[in-house]
Structure formats: structure tokens, C-alpha cells
């Protein structure tokens, strides 16, 4: 009787473990990868804001989506991977702080580079 119970318990544990694995098959981007994706998305959004007139809200939103899809293609990811990664970092505030700080630092470096070029 005990052997049947242990066998059943092991079977259930293996079954649950395999089902959990299939749900979490989406890869979480590293902080460095996520930093570059977020930087490119911020730049794409800003470029779109500058290049489109203020009265074309629908076109702006549609163009944002197209630009974000291009960013995903450049980085060889899909939107599910990006949003899963974003949710992961959102649920880990210590890692999110590192991510946001690194994006901010990257922006500051790019600004300094641009300033040095124009001098």
C-alpha cells in the first residue's frame, strides 16, 4: 500500500513539475539585454513623437506599434518575451532599480557623446 502511495505521489510531482515548466518556457531577458531593448523602445517612441503632428493620435499609436515590432525584430525577441521580462523585473524591485538605473546611465552616456561631437 505504501509503495503505491509513494509511486502515485512521485507521479503527481513529476506531472506538476512538467506542467509548470511548460508555462514558464518564455525566456526572461538579462538586465543588459533588457536595457538595450528598453533604450531602443524609448528612442523609437521619442522619434515617433517628434516626427508626427500632434493631431494624428490614431496614426501615432499605430506607428508606435510598428516601431516597437521593429525593435523586437532587431533584438531577436517577440513581444511576449519583452512583456514577460518586464513583468519579472516589475515583480523584483531590486532588479528593476538596477535596470532603470542602467537605462538612465546609458542615456546620460549617449547625451555626453552627442555633446562632445557638437563641440
C-alpha atoms as a PDB file:
ATOM      1  CA  UNK A   1       0.000   0.000   0.000  1.00  0.00           C
ATOM      2  CA  UNK A   2       2.760   2.401   0.907  1.00  0.00           C
ATOM      3  CA  UNK A   3       4.618   1.712  -2.335  1.00  0.00           C
ATOM      4  CA  UNK A   4       1.503   2.541  -4.361  1.00  0.00           C
ATOM      5  CA  UNK A   5       1.116   5.781  -2.450  1.00  0.00           C
ATOM      6  CA  UNK A   6       4.778   6.766  -2.970  1.00  0.00           C
ATOM      7  CA  UNK A   7       4.583   5.848  -6.653  1.00  0.00           C
ATOM      8  CA  UNK A   8       1.399   7.920  -7.043  1.00  0.00           C
ATOM      9  CA  UNK A   9       2.938  10.827  -5.189  1.00  0.00           C
ATOM     10  CA  UNK A  10       6.075  10.735  -7.371  1.00  0.00           C
ATOM     11  CA  UNK A  11       3.913  10.590 -10.482  1.00  0.00           C
ATOM     12  CA  UNK A  12       1.905  13.637  -9.387  1.00  0.00           C
ATOM     13  CA  UNK A  13       5.073  15.587  -8.536  1.00  0.00           C
ATOM     14  CA  UNK A  14       6.621  14.801 -11.940  1.00  0.00           C
ATOM     15  CA  UNK A  15       3.373  15.738 -13.677  1.00  0.00           C
ATOM     16  CA  UNK A  16       3.108  19.047 -11.828  1.00  0.00           C
ATOM     17  CA  UNK A  17       6.752  19.840 -12.445  1.00  0.00           C
ATOM     18  CA  UNK A  18       6.445  19.246 -16.171  1.00  0.00           C
ATOM     19  CA  UNK A  19       3.288  21.353 -16.402  1.00  0.00           C
ATOM     20  CA  UNK A  20       4.963  24.214 -14.565  1.00  0.00           C
ATOM     21  CA  UNK A  21       7.928  24.037 -16.899  1.00  0.00           C
ATOM     22  CA  UNK A  22       5.779  24.384 -19.995  1.00  0.00           C
ATOM     23  CA  UNK A  23       4.084  27.512 -18.647  1.00  0.00           C
ATOM     24  CA  UNK A  24       7.363  29.264 -17.934  1.00  0.00           C
ATOM     25  CA  UNK A  25       9.024  28.486 -21.248  1.00  0.00           C
ATOM     26  CA  UNK A  26       9.250  32.200 -22.074  1.00  0.00           C
ATOM     27  CA  UNK A  27      12.799  33.404 -21.649  1.00  0.00           C
ATOM     28  CA  UNK A  28      13.498  36.301 -19.281  1.00  0.00           C
ATOM     29  CA  UNK A  29      15.924  38.816 -20.779  1.00  0.00           C
ATOM     30  CA  UNK A  30      19.060  39.661 -18.832  1.00  0.00           C
ATOM     31  CA  UNK A  31      19.418  43.158 -17.453  1.00  0.00           C
ATOM     32  CA  UNK A  32      21.909  44.074 -20.196  1.00  0.00           C
ATOM     33  CA  UNK A  33      19.623  42.783 -22.973  1.00  0.00           C
ATOM     34  CA  UNK A  34      16.543  44.371 -21.451  1.00  0.00           C
ATOM     35  CA  UNK A  35      18.421  47.672 -21.077  1.00  0.00           C
ATOM     36  CA  UNK A  36      19.188  47.792 -24.795  1.00  0.00           C
ATOM     37  CA  UNK A  37      15.627  46.841 -25.780  1.00  0.00           C
ATOM     38  CA  UNK A  38      14.142  49.479 -23.474  1.00  0.00           C
ATOM     39  CA  UNK A  39      16.601  52.094 -24.759  1.00  0.00           C
ATOM     40  CA  UNK A  40      15.648  51.375 -28.357  1.00  0.00           C
ATOM     41  CA  UNK A  41      11.941  51.432 -27.490  1.00  0.00           C
ATOM     42  CA  UNK A  42      12.321  54.797 -25.760  1.00  0.00           C
ATOM     43  CA  UNK A  43      14.167  56.164 -28.777  1.00  0.00           C
ATOM     44  CA  UNK A  44      11.576  54.776 -31.192  1.00  0.00           C
ATOM     45  CA  UNK A  45       8.762  56.334 -29.188  1.00  0.00           C
ATOM     46  CA  UNK A  46      10.528  59.677 -28.977  1.00  0.00           C
ATOM     47  CA  UNK A  47      11.351  59.666 -32.690  1.00  0.00           C
ATOM     48  CA  UNK A  48       7.690  58.955 -33.410  1.00  0.00           C
ATOM     49  CA  UNK A  49       6.560  61.804 -31.138  1.00  0.00           C
ATOM     50  CA  UNK A  50       8.836  64.265 -32.890  1.00  0.00           C
ATOM     51  CA  UNK A  51       8.063  63.164 -36.440  1.00  0.00           C
ATOM     52  CA  UNK A  52       4.254  63.074 -36.262  1.00  0.00           C
ATOM     53  CA  UNK A  53       1.996  66.079 -35.800  1.00  0.00           C
ATOM     54  CA  UNK A  54       0.027  66.366 -32.572  1.00  0.00           C
ATOM     55  CA  UNK A  55      -3.409  65.930 -34.123  1.00  0.00           C
ATOM     56  CA  UNK A  56      -2.870  62.421 -35.518  1.00  0.00           C
ATOM     57  CA  UNK A  57      -3.257  60.330 -32.343  1.00  0.00           C
ATOM     58  CA  UNK A  58      -4.510  57.215 -34.127  1.00  0.00           C
ATOM     59  CA  UNK A  59      -1.633  57.225 -36.581  1.00  0.00           C
ATOM     60  CA  UNK A  60       0.849  57.838 -33.767  1.00  0.00           C
ATOM     61  CA  UNK A  61      -0.384  54.814 -31.812  1.00  0.00           C
ATOM     62  CA  UNK A  62      -0.367  52.621 -34.909  1.00  0.00           C
ATOM     63  CA  UNK A  63       3.122  53.795 -35.835  1.00  0.00           C
ATOM     64  CA  UNK A  64       4.364  53.191 -32.266  1.00  0.00           C
ATOM     65  CA  UNK A  65       3.289  49.566 -32.530  1.00  0.00           C
ATOM     66  CA  UNK A  66       5.106  49.147 -35.840  1.00  0.00           C
ATOM     67  CA  UNK A  67       8.251  50.741 -34.435  1.00  0.00           C
ATOM     68  CA  UNK A  68       8.159  48.552 -31.317  1.00  0.00           C
ATOM     69  CA  UNK A  69       7.772  45.452 -33.502  1.00  0.00           C
ATOM     70  CA  UNK A  70      10.885  46.550 -35.403  1.00  0.00           C
ATOM     71  CA  UNK A  71      12.771  46.905 -32.122  1.00  0.00           C
ATOM     72  CA  UNK A  72      11.727  43.362 -31.186  1.00  0.00           C
ATOM     73  CA  UNK A  73      12.966  42.103 -34.571  1.00  0.00           C
ATOM     74  CA  UNK A  74      16.310  43.889 -34.196  1.00  0.00           C
ATOM     75  CA  UNK A  75      16.839  42.256 -30.799  1.00  0.00           C
ATOM     76  CA  UNK A  76      15.539  38.840 -31.970  1.00  0.00           C
ATOM     77  CA  UNK A  77      12.729  38.694 -29.404  1.00  0.00           C
ATOM     78  CA  UNK A  78       8.947  38.862 -29.502  1.00  0.00           C
ATOM     79  CA  UNK A  79       6.534  40.982 -27.519  1.00  0.00           C
ATOM     80  CA  UNK A  80       5.677  38.058 -25.217  1.00  0.00           C
ATOM     81  CA  UNK A  81       9.329  37.762 -24.182  1.00  0.00           C
ATOM     82  CA  UNK A  82       9.586  41.507 -23.636  1.00  0.00           C
ATOM     83  CA  UNK A  83       6.415  41.745 -21.537  1.00  0.00           C
ATOM     84  CA  UNK A  84       7.259  38.605 -19.547  1.00  0.00           C
ATOM     85  CA  UNK A  85      10.673  40.091 -18.822  1.00  0.00           C
ATOM     86  CA  UNK A  86       9.148  43.438 -17.913  1.00  0.00           C
ATOM     87  CA  UNK A  87       6.684  41.762 -15.531  1.00  0.00           C
ATOM     88  CA  UNK A  88       9.546  39.788 -14.000  1.00  0.00           C
ATOM     89  CA  UNK A  89      11.557  42.951 -13.324  1.00  0.00           C
ATOM     90  CA  UNK A  90       8.446  44.725 -12.105  1.00  0.00           C
ATOM     91  CA  UNK A  91       7.917  41.981  -9.528  1.00  0.00           C
ATOM     92  CA  UNK A  92      11.585  42.201  -8.431  1.00  0.00           C
ATOM     93  CA  UNK A  93      12.057  45.861  -7.426  1.00  0.00           C
ATOM     94  CA  UNK A  94      15.754  45.455  -6.627  1.00  0.00           C
ATOM     95  CA  UNK A  95      16.462  44.207 -10.165  1.00  0.00           C
ATOM     96  CA  UNK A  96      14.101  46.792 -11.688  1.00  0.00           C
ATOM     97  CA  UNK A  97      16.060  49.561  -9.976  1.00  0.00           C
ATOM     98  CA  UNK A  98      19.287  48.235 -11.488  1.00  0.00           C
ATOM     99  CA  UNK A  99      17.611  48.055 -14.904  1.00  0.00           C
ATOM    100  CA  UNK A 100      16.190  51.586 -14.761  1.00  0.00           C
ATOM    101  CA  UNK A 101      19.473  52.983 -13.448  1.00  0.00           C
ATOM    102  CA  UNK A 102      21.385  51.294 -16.263  1.00  0.00           C
ATOM    103  CA  UNK A 103      18.978  52.677 -18.898  1.00  0.00           C
ATOM    104  CA  UNK A 104      19.356  56.121 -17.340  1.00  0.00           C
ATOM    105  CA  UNK A 105      23.146  55.804 -17.293  1.00  0.00           C
ATOM    106  CA  UNK A 106      23.135  54.693 -20.935  1.00  0.00           C
ATOM    107  CA  UNK A 107      21.053  57.759 -21.806  1.00  0.00           C
ATOM    108  CA  UNK A 108      23.480  60.029 -19.980  1.00  0.00           C
ATOM    109  CA  UNK A 109      26.442  58.472 -21.811  1.00  0.00           C
ATOM    110  CA  UNK A 110      24.702  58.923 -25.176  1.00  0.00           C
ATOM    111  CA  UNK A 111      23.904  62.539 -24.310  1.00  0.00           C
ATOM    112  CA  UNK A 112      27.529  63.190 -23.356  1.00  0.00           C
ATOM    113  CA  UNK A 113      28.735  61.580 -26.606  1.00  0.00           C
ATOM    114  CA  UNK A 114      26.390  63.760 -28.644  1.00  0.00           C
ATOM    115  CA  UNK A 115      27.523  66.851 -26.741  1.00  0.00           C
ATOM    116  CA  UNK A 116      31.187  66.035 -27.379  1.00  0.00           C
ATOM    117  CA  UNK A 117      30.550  65.569 -31.114  1.00  0.00           C
ATOM    118  CA  UNK A 118      28.939  69.018 -31.423  1.00  0.00           C
ATOM    119  CA  UNK A 119      31.788  70.840 -29.689  1.00  0.00           C
END
